[in-house]
């Protein structure tokens, strides 16, 4: 379980592709310190299991389902990535409950600069739009953000907007994402659980 508060901006060392999987190696001295095999680290919002660690870096296997559902397959050596270790049971929930289970990918549509901050519009798949609400939470590349605006219900394409403060711009990959780039999206899990429970009552 994560909170969407990025601890470190890491760097991809290698992405070794297999027939239907990949081995990802990332440099991240802070999150690697004390990490052991079998533990979890979120990479751009994707929960991965550590298979090797040492010398300020770690490796993890990425299966086909994850490659197809997220943007991890497009990473290359030198790519910056958002890193977060799981939240401790006695820690602060600084963002919101993030599972590291990406629902879908979106595309950055536009960036509107403000006075030290920016409004970023992201297109989202229609099937994800029912889980997002204005002033609700969403994880974008693993960053916990508040939704500041949504596309009208009758819009041809669905989108959401988030406002990025200077800290987020400086410390995460979202400060450099440009229009046309793909980002990982995870909707608030509470909305998905409630929908499932209500559907069961209608049977």
N, C-alpha and C. Protein backbone atom coordinates (compact mmCIF):
# COMPACT_ATOMS: atom_id res chain seq x y z
N UNK A 1 0.85 -1.19 0.00
CA UNK A 1 0.00 0.00 0.00
C UNK A 1 0.88 1.24 0.00
N UNK A 2 0.51 2.23 -0.82
CA UNK A 2 1.29 3.46 -0.96
C UNK A 2 0.39 4.66 -0.69
N UNK A 3 0.99 5.84 -0.67
CA UNK A 3 0.22 7.05 -0.41
C UNK A 3 0.28 8.05 -1.55
N UNK A 4 1.11 7.80 -2.57
CA UNK A 4 1.22 8.74 -3.67
C UNK A 4 2.12 9.92 -3.37
N UNK A 5 2.93 9.81 -2.32
CA UNK A 5 3.92 10.84 -1.99
C UNK A 5 5.28 10.33 -2.45
N UNK A 6 5.78 10.87 -3.55
CA UNK A 6 7.02 10.39 -4.15
C UNK A 6 8.20 10.68 -3.22
N UNK A 7 9.01 9.65 -2.96
CA UNK A 7 10.17 9.80 -2.09
C UNK A 7 11.43 10.21 -2.85
N UNK A 8 11.52 9.74 -4.08
CA UNK A 8 12.77 9.94 -4.81
C UNK A 8 12.50 9.90 -6.31
N UNK A 9 13.23 10.74 -7.04
CA UNK A 9 13.20 10.70 -8.50
C UNK A 9 14.36 9.82 -8.95
N UNK A 10 14.03 8.61 -9.39
CA UNK A 10 15.06 7.66 -9.79
C UNK A 10 15.36 7.73 -11.27
N UNK A 11 16.25 6.84 -11.70
CA UNK A 11 16.65 6.79 -13.11
C UNK A 11 16.73 5.35 -13.58
N UNK A 12 16.15 5.06 -14.73
CA UNK A 12 16.20 3.71 -15.29
C UNK A 12 17.62 3.42 -15.76
N UNK A 13 18.14 2.28 -15.32
CA UNK A 13 19.45 1.82 -15.77
C UNK A 13 19.31 0.91 -16.98
N UNK A 14 18.31 0.03 -16.93
CA UNK A 14 18.12 -0.91 -18.03
C UNK A 14 16.70 -1.44 -18.03
N UNK A 15 16.21 -1.79 -19.23
CA UNK A 15 14.94 -2.50 -19.39
C UNK A 15 15.21 -3.63 -20.37
N UNK A 16 15.38 -4.83 -19.84
CA UNK A 16 15.70 -5.98 -20.65
C UNK A 16 14.41 -6.71 -21.00
N UNK A 17 14.06 -6.71 -22.30
CA UNK A 17 12.81 -7.30 -22.74
C UNK A 17 12.96 -8.79 -22.98
N UNK A 18 11.95 -9.55 -22.56
CA UNK A 18 11.86 -10.97 -22.86
C UNK A 18 10.73 -11.20 -23.84
N UNK A 19 10.29 -12.44 -23.97
CA UNK A 19 9.22 -12.76 -24.91
C UNK A 19 7.92 -12.08 -24.51
N UNK A 20 7.57 -12.14 -23.22
CA UNK A 20 6.33 -11.51 -22.76
C UNK A 20 6.51 -10.89 -21.38
N UNK A 21 7.72 -10.48 -21.05
CA UNK A 21 8.00 -9.85 -19.77
C UNK A 21 9.26 -9.01 -19.92
N UNK A 22 9.67 -8.38 -18.83
CA UNK A 22 10.87 -7.54 -18.87
C UNK A 22 11.50 -7.50 -17.48
N UNK A 23 12.80 -7.22 -17.45
CA UNK A 23 13.51 -7.00 -16.19
C UNK A 23 13.91 -5.52 -16.16
N UNK A 24 13.41 -4.81 -15.15
CA UNK A 24 13.66 -3.37 -15.02
C UNK A 24 14.68 -3.13 -13.90
N UNK A 25 15.70 -2.35 -14.19
CA UNK A 25 16.70 -1.98 -13.20
C UNK A 25 16.70 -0.46 -13.06
N UNK A 26 16.60 0.00 -11.81
CA UNK A 26 16.44 1.43 -11.52
C UNK A 26 17.45 1.87 -10.47
N UNK A 27 18.06 3.03 -10.71
CA UNK A 27 18.92 3.63 -9.68
C UNK A 27 18.06 4.52 -8.79
N UNK A 28 18.11 4.21 -7.49
CA UNK A 28 17.36 5.00 -6.50
C UNK A 28 17.95 4.74 -5.14
N UNK A 29 19.03 5.42 -4.79
CA UNK A 29 19.74 5.14 -3.54
C UNK A 29 18.85 5.22 -2.30
N UNK A 30 17.91 6.16 -2.27
CA UNK A 30 17.10 6.34 -1.06
C UNK A 30 16.15 5.18 -0.85
N UNK A 31 15.40 4.79 -1.89
CA UNK A 31 14.44 3.71 -1.72
C UNK A 31 15.11 2.34 -1.70
N UNK A 32 16.33 2.25 -2.27
CA UNK A 32 17.05 0.98 -2.28
C UNK A 32 17.70 0.67 -0.94
N UNK A 33 17.97 1.72 -0.16
CA UNK A 33 18.65 1.53 1.12
C UNK A 33 17.80 0.64 2.04
N UNK A 34 18.30 -0.49 2.38
CA UNK A 34 17.59 -1.40 3.27
C UNK A 34 16.55 -2.26 2.59
N UNK A 35 16.33 -2.06 1.29
CA UNK A 35 15.34 -2.88 0.58
C UNK A 35 15.85 -4.32 0.42
N UNK A 36 14.94 -5.27 0.54
CA UNK A 36 15.30 -6.67 0.42
C UNK A 36 14.48 -7.35 -0.67
N UNK A 37 14.96 -8.48 -1.13
CA UNK A 37 14.23 -9.25 -2.15
C UNK A 37 12.83 -9.58 -1.62
N UNK A 38 11.84 -9.44 -2.48
CA UNK A 38 10.46 -9.75 -2.10
C UNK A 38 9.67 -8.55 -1.62
N UNK A 39 10.35 -7.44 -1.31
CA UNK A 39 9.65 -6.23 -0.89
C UNK A 39 9.16 -5.45 -2.10
N UNK A 40 8.29 -4.49 -1.85
CA UNK A 40 7.66 -3.74 -2.93
C UNK A 40 8.20 -2.32 -3.03
N UNK A 41 8.30 -1.84 -4.26
CA UNK A 41 8.61 -0.43 -4.54
C UNK A 41 7.71 -0.02 -5.70
N UNK A 42 7.09 1.15 -5.59
CA UNK A 42 6.25 1.66 -6.67
C UNK A 42 7.12 2.46 -7.64
N UNK A 43 7.03 2.12 -8.92
CA UNK A 43 7.77 2.80 -9.98
C UNK A 43 6.75 3.46 -10.91
N UNK A 44 6.71 4.77 -10.92
CA UNK A 44 5.68 5.51 -11.69
C UNK A 44 4.29 4.99 -11.38
N UNK A 45 4.08 4.68 -10.10
CA UNK A 45 2.75 4.26 -9.67
C UNK A 45 2.46 2.79 -9.82
N UNK A 46 3.43 2.00 -10.29
CA UNK A 46 3.23 0.56 -10.47
C UNK A 46 3.96 -0.18 -9.36
N UNK A 47 3.24 -0.98 -8.61
CA UNK A 47 3.83 -1.76 -7.53
C UNK A 47 4.63 -2.92 -8.11
N UNK A 48 5.94 -2.93 -7.86
CA UNK A 48 6.82 -3.99 -8.36
C UNK A 48 7.51 -4.68 -7.19
N UNK A 49 7.84 -5.96 -7.38
CA UNK A 49 8.52 -6.74 -6.36
C UNK A 49 10.01 -6.74 -6.63
N UNK A 50 10.79 -6.37 -5.64
CA UNK A 50 12.25 -6.31 -5.77
C UNK A 50 12.81 -7.72 -5.90
N UNK A 51 13.62 -7.94 -6.94
CA UNK A 51 14.27 -9.24 -7.13
C UNK A 51 15.76 -9.19 -6.83
N UNK A 52 16.37 -8.01 -7.00
CA UNK A 52 17.78 -7.82 -6.68
C UNK A 52 17.96 -6.39 -6.19
N UNK A 53 18.94 -6.20 -5.32
CA UNK A 53 19.23 -4.85 -4.85
C UNK A 53 20.69 -4.75 -4.48
N UNK A 54 21.23 -3.55 -4.57
CA UNK A 54 22.62 -3.33 -4.21
C UNK A 54 23.21 -2.16 -4.97
N UNK A 55 24.19 -1.50 -4.37
CA UNK A 55 24.90 -0.40 -5.00
C UNK A 55 23.96 0.73 -5.42
N UNK A 56 22.93 0.98 -4.58
CA UNK A 56 22.04 2.10 -4.83
C UNK A 56 21.04 1.88 -5.94
N UNK A 57 20.82 0.62 -6.32
CA UNK A 57 19.85 0.33 -7.36
C UNK A 57 19.10 -0.96 -7.04
N UNK A 58 18.00 -1.19 -7.76
CA UNK A 58 17.23 -2.42 -7.57
C UNK A 58 16.68 -2.88 -8.91
N UNK A 59 16.35 -4.16 -8.97
CA UNK A 59 15.74 -4.74 -10.17
C UNK A 59 14.40 -5.36 -9.82
N UNK A 60 13.52 -5.43 -10.82
CA UNK A 60 12.19 -6.03 -10.63
C UNK A 60 11.73 -6.61 -11.96
N UNK A 61 10.98 -7.69 -11.88
CA UNK A 61 10.41 -8.30 -13.08
C UNK A 61 9.05 -7.66 -13.37
N UNK A 62 8.79 -7.40 -14.65
CA UNK A 62 7.53 -6.79 -15.08
C UNK A 62 6.85 -7.76 -16.04
N UNK A 63 5.66 -8.25 -15.65
CA UNK A 63 4.97 -9.24 -16.48
C UNK A 63 4.17 -8.56 -17.59
N UNK A 64 3.67 -9.38 -18.51
CA UNK A 64 2.98 -8.87 -19.69
C UNK A 64 1.78 -8.00 -19.34
N UNK A 65 0.99 -8.42 -18.35
CA UNK A 65 -0.19 -7.64 -17.95
C UNK A 65 0.20 -6.22 -17.56
N UNK A 66 1.29 -6.09 -16.82
CA UNK A 66 1.75 -4.77 -16.39
C UNK A 66 2.28 -3.97 -17.57
N UNK A 67 3.00 -4.60 -18.46
CA UNK A 67 3.53 -3.91 -19.64
C UNK A 67 2.39 -3.39 -20.52
N UNK A 68 1.30 -4.17 -20.62
CA UNK A 68 0.18 -3.78 -21.48
C UNK A 68 -0.68 -2.70 -20.84
N UNK A 69 -0.78 -2.69 -19.51
CA UNK A 69 -1.70 -1.79 -18.83
C UNK A 69 -1.03 -0.48 -18.40
N UNK A 70 0.29 -0.45 -18.38
CA UNK A 70 1.00 0.73 -17.90
C UNK A 70 1.98 1.24 -18.97
N UNK A 71 2.69 2.30 -18.60
CA UNK A 71 3.68 2.89 -19.51
C UNK A 71 5.09 2.36 -19.27
N UNK A 72 5.26 1.38 -18.40
CA UNK A 72 6.60 0.91 -18.06
C UNK A 72 7.35 0.34 -19.26
N UNK A 73 6.63 -0.25 -20.20
CA UNK A 73 7.28 -0.82 -21.37
C UNK A 73 7.95 0.20 -22.27
N UNK A 74 7.58 1.46 -22.12
CA UNK A 74 8.17 2.52 -22.94
C UNK A 74 9.40 3.15 -22.29
N UNK A 75 9.75 2.70 -21.09
CA UNK A 75 10.92 3.26 -20.41
C UNK A 75 12.20 2.85 -21.13
N UNK A 76 13.23 3.68 -20.96
CA UNK A 76 14.53 3.41 -21.57
C UNK A 76 15.62 3.88 -20.61
N UNK A 77 16.85 3.40 -20.78
CA UNK A 77 17.93 3.89 -19.93
C UNK A 77 17.99 5.41 -19.91
N UNK A 78 18.05 5.97 -18.70
CA UNK A 78 18.06 7.41 -18.54
C UNK A 78 16.71 8.01 -18.23
N UNK A 79 15.62 7.24 -18.40
CA UNK A 79 14.29 7.76 -18.10
C UNK A 79 14.15 8.03 -16.61
N UNK A 80 13.63 9.20 -16.23
CA UNK A 80 13.36 9.45 -14.81
C UNK A 80 12.08 8.74 -14.39
N UNK A 81 12.03 8.26 -13.16
CA UNK A 81 10.85 7.56 -12.66
C UNK A 81 10.57 7.98 -11.22
N UNK A 82 9.29 8.04 -10.88
CA UNK A 82 8.88 8.33 -9.51
C UNK A 82 8.97 7.06 -8.67
N UNK A 83 9.58 7.17 -7.49
CA UNK A 83 9.78 6.01 -6.63
C UNK A 83 9.16 6.25 -5.26
N UNK A 84 8.51 5.21 -4.74
CA UNK A 84 7.93 5.27 -3.39
C UNK A 84 7.95 3.89 -2.77
N UNK A 85 8.39 3.81 -1.52
CA UNK A 85 8.31 2.57 -0.76
C UNK A 85 6.92 2.46 -0.12
N UNK A 86 6.48 1.26 0.24
CA UNK A 86 5.17 1.11 0.89
C UNK A 86 5.11 1.90 2.18
N UNK A 87 3.91 2.37 2.52
CA UNK A 87 3.73 3.13 3.75
C UNK A 87 3.80 2.17 4.94
N UNK A 88 4.45 2.61 6.01
CA UNK A 88 4.48 1.83 7.24
C UNK A 88 3.15 1.96 7.97
N UNK A 89 2.81 0.95 8.74
CA UNK A 89 1.54 0.98 9.48
C UNK A 89 1.49 2.13 10.48
N UNK A 90 2.66 2.57 10.95
CA UNK A 90 2.69 3.67 11.91
C UNK A 90 3.06 5.00 11.25
N UNK A 91 3.01 5.03 9.90
CA UNK A 91 3.37 6.25 9.18
C UNK A 91 2.16 7.12 8.89
N UNK A 92 2.44 8.31 8.36
CA UNK A 92 1.38 9.26 8.00
C UNK A 92 0.87 8.97 6.59
N UNK A 93 -0.44 9.04 6.42
CA UNK A 93 -1.05 8.88 5.10
C UNK A 93 -1.11 10.27 4.47
N UNK A 94 0.02 10.69 3.89
CA UNK A 94 0.12 12.06 3.40
C UNK A 94 -0.68 12.34 2.15
N UNK A 95 -0.93 11.32 1.32
CA UNK A 95 -1.70 11.53 0.10
C UNK A 95 -3.05 10.85 0.22
N UNK A 96 -3.26 9.74 -0.52
CA UNK A 96 -4.45 8.94 -0.36
C UNK A 96 -4.06 7.48 -0.54
N UNK A 97 -4.99 6.56 -0.34
CA UNK A 97 -4.67 5.13 -0.44
C UNK A 97 -4.43 4.77 -1.91
N UNK A 98 -3.20 4.37 -2.20
CA UNK A 98 -2.80 3.99 -3.56
C UNK A 98 -2.30 2.56 -3.51
N UNK A 99 -2.84 1.70 -4.35
CA UNK A 99 -2.47 0.29 -4.34
C UNK A 99 -1.27 -0.02 -5.22
N UNK A 100 -1.00 0.84 -6.18
CA UNK A 100 0.05 0.53 -7.15
C UNK A 100 -0.44 -0.38 -8.25
N UNK A 101 -1.78 -0.47 -8.39
CA UNK A 101 -2.41 -1.28 -9.43
C UNK A 101 -2.99 -0.31 -10.47
N UNK A 102 -2.24 -0.06 -11.52
CA UNK A 102 -2.65 0.92 -12.52
C UNK A 102 -3.91 0.45 -13.25
N UNK A 103 -4.89 1.36 -13.35
CA UNK A 103 -6.13 1.04 -14.05
C UNK A 103 -6.00 1.19 -15.56
N UNK A 104 -5.30 2.23 -15.97
CA UNK A 104 -5.18 2.53 -17.40
C UNK A 104 -4.12 3.61 -17.57
N UNK A 105 -3.87 3.95 -18.81
CA UNK A 105 -2.97 5.06 -19.10
C UNK A 105 -3.76 6.22 -19.69
N UNK A 106 -3.24 7.42 -19.50
CA UNK A 106 -3.82 8.62 -20.11
C UNK A 106 -2.73 9.35 -20.88
N UNK A 107 -3.13 10.40 -21.55
CA UNK A 107 -2.18 11.18 -22.35
C UNK A 107 -2.26 12.64 -21.93
N UNK A 108 -1.11 13.25 -21.70
CA UNK A 108 -1.08 14.68 -21.38
C UNK A 108 -1.57 15.46 -22.59
N UNK A 109 -2.61 16.26 -22.38
CA UNK A 109 -3.21 17.04 -23.46
C UNK A 109 -2.62 18.44 -23.52
N UNK A 110 -2.49 19.08 -22.36
CA UNK A 110 -1.98 20.45 -22.34
C UNK A 110 -1.43 20.79 -20.98
N UNK A 111 -0.60 21.85 -20.95
CA UNK A 111 -0.06 22.40 -19.71
C UNK A 111 -0.30 23.90 -19.75
N UNK A 112 -0.91 24.41 -18.69
CA UNK A 112 -1.19 25.83 -18.60
C UNK A 112 -0.43 26.40 -17.40
N UNK A 113 0.62 27.19 -17.66
CA UNK A 113 1.43 27.71 -16.55
C UNK A 113 0.71 28.79 -15.76
N UNK A 114 0.96 28.79 -14.45
CA UNK A 114 0.45 29.84 -13.58
C UNK A 114 1.62 30.54 -12.91
N UNK A 115 1.40 31.13 -11.79
CA UNK A 115 2.44 31.83 -11.05
C UNK A 115 3.22 30.84 -10.19
N UNK A 116 4.12 30.07 -10.85
CA UNK A 116 4.90 29.06 -10.14
C UNK A 116 4.25 27.70 -10.11
N UNK A 117 3.05 27.58 -10.64
CA UNK A 117 2.36 26.30 -10.67
C UNK A 117 1.78 26.09 -12.06
N UNK A 118 1.25 24.91 -12.32
CA UNK A 118 0.71 24.60 -13.64
C UNK A 118 -0.56 23.76 -13.53
N UNK A 119 -1.46 23.98 -14.48
CA UNK A 119 -2.64 23.13 -14.63
C UNK A 119 -2.38 22.19 -15.79
N UNK A 120 -2.47 20.89 -15.53
CA UNK A 120 -2.20 19.89 -16.54
C UNK A 120 -3.49 19.14 -16.85
N UNK A 121 -3.84 19.09 -18.14
CA UNK A 121 -5.03 18.34 -18.58
C UNK A 121 -4.58 17.01 -19.14
N UNK A 122 -5.26 15.94 -18.73
CA UNK A 122 -4.91 14.57 -19.12
C UNK A 122 -6.15 13.88 -19.67
N UNK A 123 -6.04 13.31 -20.85
CA UNK A 123 -7.15 12.52 -21.39
C UNK A 123 -7.23 11.20 -20.65
N UNK A 124 -8.45 10.71 -20.43
CA UNK A 124 -8.64 9.45 -19.71
C UNK A 124 -9.59 8.56 -20.49
N UNK A 125 -9.44 7.24 -20.38
CA UNK A 125 -10.36 6.33 -21.07
C UNK A 125 -11.78 6.51 -20.54
N UNK A 126 -12.78 6.37 -21.38
CA UNK A 126 -14.18 6.54 -20.95
C UNK A 126 -14.55 5.64 -19.78
N UNK A 127 -14.02 4.43 -19.74
CA UNK A 127 -14.39 3.50 -18.66
C UNK A 127 -13.83 3.93 -17.30
N UNK A 128 -12.87 4.83 -17.30
CA UNK A 128 -12.30 5.31 -16.05
C UNK A 128 -13.00 6.56 -15.53
N UNK A 129 -13.72 7.24 -16.40
CA UNK A 129 -14.30 8.54 -16.04
C UNK A 129 -15.33 8.43 -14.92
N UNK A 130 -15.99 7.27 -14.78
CA UNK A 130 -17.01 7.15 -13.74
C UNK A 130 -16.41 7.05 -12.33
N UNK A 131 -15.11 6.83 -12.24
CA UNK A 131 -14.47 6.70 -10.93
C UNK A 131 -13.81 7.99 -10.45
N UNK A 132 -13.82 9.03 -11.27
CA UNK A 132 -13.15 10.27 -10.88
C UNK A 132 -14.19 11.37 -10.65
N UNK A 133 -13.97 12.16 -9.61
CA UNK A 133 -14.89 13.25 -9.27
C UNK A 133 -14.07 14.49 -8.97
N UNK A 134 -14.67 15.64 -9.23
CA UNK A 134 -13.98 16.90 -8.94
C UNK A 134 -13.70 16.99 -7.45
N UNK A 135 -12.48 17.39 -7.12
CA UNK A 135 -11.96 17.48 -5.75
C UNK A 135 -11.67 16.11 -5.14
N UNK A 136 -11.83 15.06 -5.94
CA UNK A 136 -11.44 13.74 -5.49
C UNK A 136 -9.96 13.49 -5.77
N UNK A 137 -9.51 12.28 -5.48
CA UNK A 137 -8.10 11.95 -5.64
C UNK A 137 -7.87 11.04 -6.84
N UNK A 138 -6.68 11.18 -7.43
CA UNK A 138 -6.24 10.30 -8.51
C UNK A 138 -4.73 10.20 -8.41
N UNK A 139 -4.18 9.04 -8.77
CA UNK A 139 -2.73 8.88 -8.81
C UNK A 139 -2.30 8.95 -10.27
N UNK A 140 -1.42 9.89 -10.57
CA UNK A 140 -0.88 10.07 -11.92
C UNK A 140 0.62 9.78 -11.86
N UNK A 141 1.05 8.71 -12.54
CA UNK A 141 2.43 8.25 -12.43
C UNK A 141 2.84 8.08 -10.98
N UNK A 142 1.88 7.64 -10.16
CA UNK A 142 2.15 7.37 -8.76
C UNK A 142 2.10 8.57 -7.85
N UNK A 143 1.74 9.75 -8.38
CA UNK A 143 1.67 10.97 -7.57
C UNK A 143 0.22 11.22 -7.16
N UNK A 144 -0.03 11.33 -5.86
CA UNK A 144 -1.36 11.62 -5.37
C UNK A 144 -1.73 13.06 -5.66
N UNK A 145 -2.81 13.26 -6.42
CA UNK A 145 -3.23 14.60 -6.83
C UNK A 145 -4.72 14.79 -6.63
N UNK A 146 -5.11 16.04 -6.46
CA UNK A 146 -6.53 16.39 -6.36
C UNK A 146 -7.02 16.82 -7.73
N UNK A 147 -8.15 16.27 -8.14
CA UNK A 147 -8.74 16.62 -9.44
C UNK A 147 -9.38 18.00 -9.33
N UNK A 148 -8.91 18.94 -10.15
CA UNK A 148 -9.41 20.31 -10.08
C UNK A 148 -10.53 20.58 -11.08
N UNK A 149 -10.63 19.77 -12.13
CA UNK A 149 -11.70 19.95 -13.12
C UNK A 149 -11.87 18.66 -13.91
N UNK A 150 -13.08 18.49 -14.46
CA UNK A 150 -13.41 17.31 -15.26
C UNK A 150 -14.11 17.73 -16.55
N UNK A 151 -14.03 16.88 -17.55
CA UNK A 151 -14.75 17.13 -18.80
C UNK A 151 -16.25 17.07 -18.55
N UNK A 152 -17.05 17.85 -19.29
CA UNK A 152 -18.52 17.79 -19.13
C UNK A 152 -19.03 16.39 -19.49
N UNK A 153 -20.14 15.97 -18.90
CA UNK A 153 -20.67 14.62 -19.18
C UNK A 153 -20.91 14.35 -20.66
N UNK A 154 -21.25 15.38 -21.43
CA UNK A 154 -21.57 15.17 -22.84
C UNK A 154 -20.36 15.36 -23.75
N UNK A 155 -19.18 15.53 -23.19
CA UNK A 155 -17.98 15.77 -24.00
C UNK A 155 -17.65 14.54 -24.85
N UNK A 156 -17.09 14.79 -26.03
CA UNK A 156 -16.72 13.70 -26.93
C UNK A 156 -15.60 12.84 -26.35
N UNK A 157 -14.68 13.45 -25.64
CA UNK A 157 -13.59 12.72 -25.02
C UNK A 157 -13.46 13.13 -23.56
N UNK A 158 -13.13 12.17 -22.71
CA UNK A 158 -13.05 12.43 -21.27
C UNK A 158 -11.66 12.94 -20.90
N UNK A 159 -11.60 13.85 -19.95
CA UNK A 159 -10.33 14.36 -19.46
C UNK A 159 -10.50 14.81 -18.01
N UNK A 160 -9.38 14.95 -17.35
CA UNK A 160 -9.35 15.55 -16.02
C UNK A 160 -8.20 16.54 -15.96
N UNK A 161 -8.29 17.47 -15.02
CA UNK A 161 -7.22 18.43 -14.81
C UNK A 161 -6.72 18.34 -13.38
N UNK A 162 -5.42 18.53 -13.23
CA UNK A 162 -4.79 18.57 -11.91
C UNK A 162 -3.89 19.80 -11.86
N UNK A 163 -3.78 20.38 -10.68
CA UNK A 163 -2.93 21.55 -10.48
C UNK A 163 -1.66 21.12 -9.76
N UNK A 164 -0.52 21.43 -10.36
CA UNK A 164 0.76 20.99 -9.82
C UNK A 164 1.47 22.16 -9.15
N UNK A 165 1.77 21.99 -7.85
CA UNK A 165 2.48 23.02 -7.11
C UNK A 165 3.98 22.92 -7.42
N UNK A 166 4.77 23.94 -7.08
CA UNK A 166 6.21 23.92 -7.39
C UNK A 166 6.93 22.68 -6.87
N UNK A 167 6.57 22.20 -5.68
CA UNK A 167 7.21 21.01 -5.12
C UNK A 167 7.01 19.80 -6.02
N UNK A 168 5.79 19.63 -6.52
CA UNK A 168 5.50 18.50 -7.40
C UNK A 168 6.22 18.65 -8.73
N UNK A 169 6.27 19.86 -9.25
CA UNK A 169 6.95 20.11 -10.52
C UNK A 169 8.44 19.80 -10.41
N UNK A 170 9.03 20.11 -9.26
CA UNK A 170 10.47 19.94 -9.09
C UNK A 170 10.87 18.52 -8.72
N UNK A 171 10.02 17.80 -7.98
CA UNK A 171 10.44 16.52 -7.39
C UNK A 171 9.86 15.28 -8.07
N UNK A 172 9.04 15.45 -9.10
CA UNK A 172 8.45 14.29 -9.77
C UNK A 172 8.59 14.41 -11.28
N UNK A 173 8.28 13.32 -11.97
CA UNK A 173 8.34 13.33 -13.43
C UNK A 173 7.29 14.23 -14.05
N UNK A 174 6.25 14.59 -13.28
CA UNK A 174 5.17 15.40 -13.85
C UNK A 174 5.63 16.81 -14.19
N UNK A 175 6.76 17.23 -13.63
CA UNK A 175 7.28 18.54 -13.96
C UNK A 175 7.83 18.63 -15.37
N UNK A 176 8.05 17.47 -16.00
CA UNK A 176 8.65 17.46 -17.34
C UNK A 176 7.81 16.72 -18.38
N UNK A 177 6.67 16.18 -17.97
CA UNK A 177 5.80 15.51 -18.93
C UNK A 177 5.22 16.53 -19.93
N UNK A 178 5.36 16.24 -21.22
CA UNK A 178 4.90 17.15 -22.26
C UNK A 178 3.65 16.62 -22.95
N UNK A 179 2.86 17.51 -23.60
CA UNK A 179 1.68 17.05 -24.33
C UNK A 179 2.03 15.91 -25.29
N UNK A 180 1.20 14.88 -25.26
CA UNK A 180 1.44 13.71 -26.09
C UNK A 180 2.07 12.55 -25.34
N UNK A 181 2.64 12.82 -24.15
CA UNK A 181 3.27 11.76 -23.38
C UNK A 181 2.23 10.99 -22.57
N UNK A 182 2.53 9.71 -22.34
CA UNK A 182 1.63 8.80 -21.66
C UNK A 182 1.94 8.76 -20.16
N UNK A 183 0.88 8.73 -19.34
CA UNK A 183 1.04 8.64 -17.89
C UNK A 183 0.17 7.51 -17.35
N UNK A 184 0.59 6.93 -16.23
CA UNK A 184 -0.18 5.89 -15.57
C UNK A 184 -1.25 6.50 -14.68
N UNK A 185 -2.43 5.89 -14.67
CA UNK A 185 -3.55 6.39 -13.89
C UNK A 185 -4.09 5.30 -12.96
N UNK A 186 -4.32 5.67 -11.72
CA UNK A 186 -5.01 4.78 -10.77
C UNK A 186 -6.11 5.58 -10.09
N UNK A 187 -7.34 5.15 -10.29
CA UNK A 187 -8.48 5.83 -9.65
C UNK A 187 -8.56 5.44 -8.19
N UNK A 188 -9.29 6.24 -7.43
CA UNK A 188 -9.49 5.98 -6.01
C UNK A 188 -10.16 4.62 -5.84
N UNK A 189 -9.53 3.71 -5.09
CA UNK A 189 -10.05 2.35 -4.96
C UNK A 189 -11.40 2.31 -4.27
N UNK A 190 -11.72 3.29 -3.44
CA UNK A 190 -12.99 3.30 -2.73
C UNK A 190 -14.16 3.33 -3.71
N UNK A 191 -14.03 4.13 -4.78
CA UNK A 191 -15.09 4.23 -5.78
C UNK A 191 -15.32 2.88 -6.46
N UNK A 192 -14.25 2.16 -6.74
CA UNK A 192 -14.38 0.87 -7.41
C UNK A 192 -15.02 -0.18 -6.50
N UNK A 193 -14.67 -0.16 -5.23
CA UNK A 193 -15.25 -1.10 -4.27
C UNK A 193 -16.74 -0.84 -4.09
N UNK A 194 -17.12 0.44 -3.94
CA UNK A 194 -18.53 0.79 -3.77
C UNK A 194 -19.33 0.35 -4.99
N UNK A 195 -18.80 0.58 -6.19
CA UNK A 195 -19.51 0.17 -7.41
C UNK A 195 -19.75 -1.34 -7.41
N UNK A 196 -18.74 -2.09 -7.03
CA UNK A 196 -18.86 -3.56 -7.02
C UNK A 196 -19.90 -4.02 -6.01
N UNK A 197 -19.91 -3.40 -4.84
CA UNK A 197 -20.88 -3.76 -3.82
C UNK A 197 -22.31 -3.45 -4.25
N UNK A 198 -22.50 -2.30 -4.86
CA UNK A 198 -23.83 -1.92 -5.34
C UNK A 198 -24.30 -2.83 -6.45
N UNK A 199 -23.38 -3.24 -7.31
CA UNK A 199 -23.75 -4.14 -8.40
C UNK A 199 -24.22 -5.49 -7.84
N UNK A 200 -23.58 -5.95 -6.76
CA UNK A 200 -23.97 -7.20 -6.14
C UNK A 200 -25.37 -7.14 -5.54
N UNK A 201 -25.76 -5.98 -5.03
CA UNK A 201 -27.08 -5.83 -4.42
C UNK A 201 -28.19 -5.87 -5.47
N UNK A 202 -27.85 -5.55 -6.73
CA UNK A 202 -28.86 -5.50 -7.79
C UNK A 202 -29.11 -6.84 -8.43
N UNK A 203 -28.29 -7.85 -8.07
CA UNK A 203 -28.45 -9.18 -8.67
C UNK A 203 -29.72 -9.86 -8.17
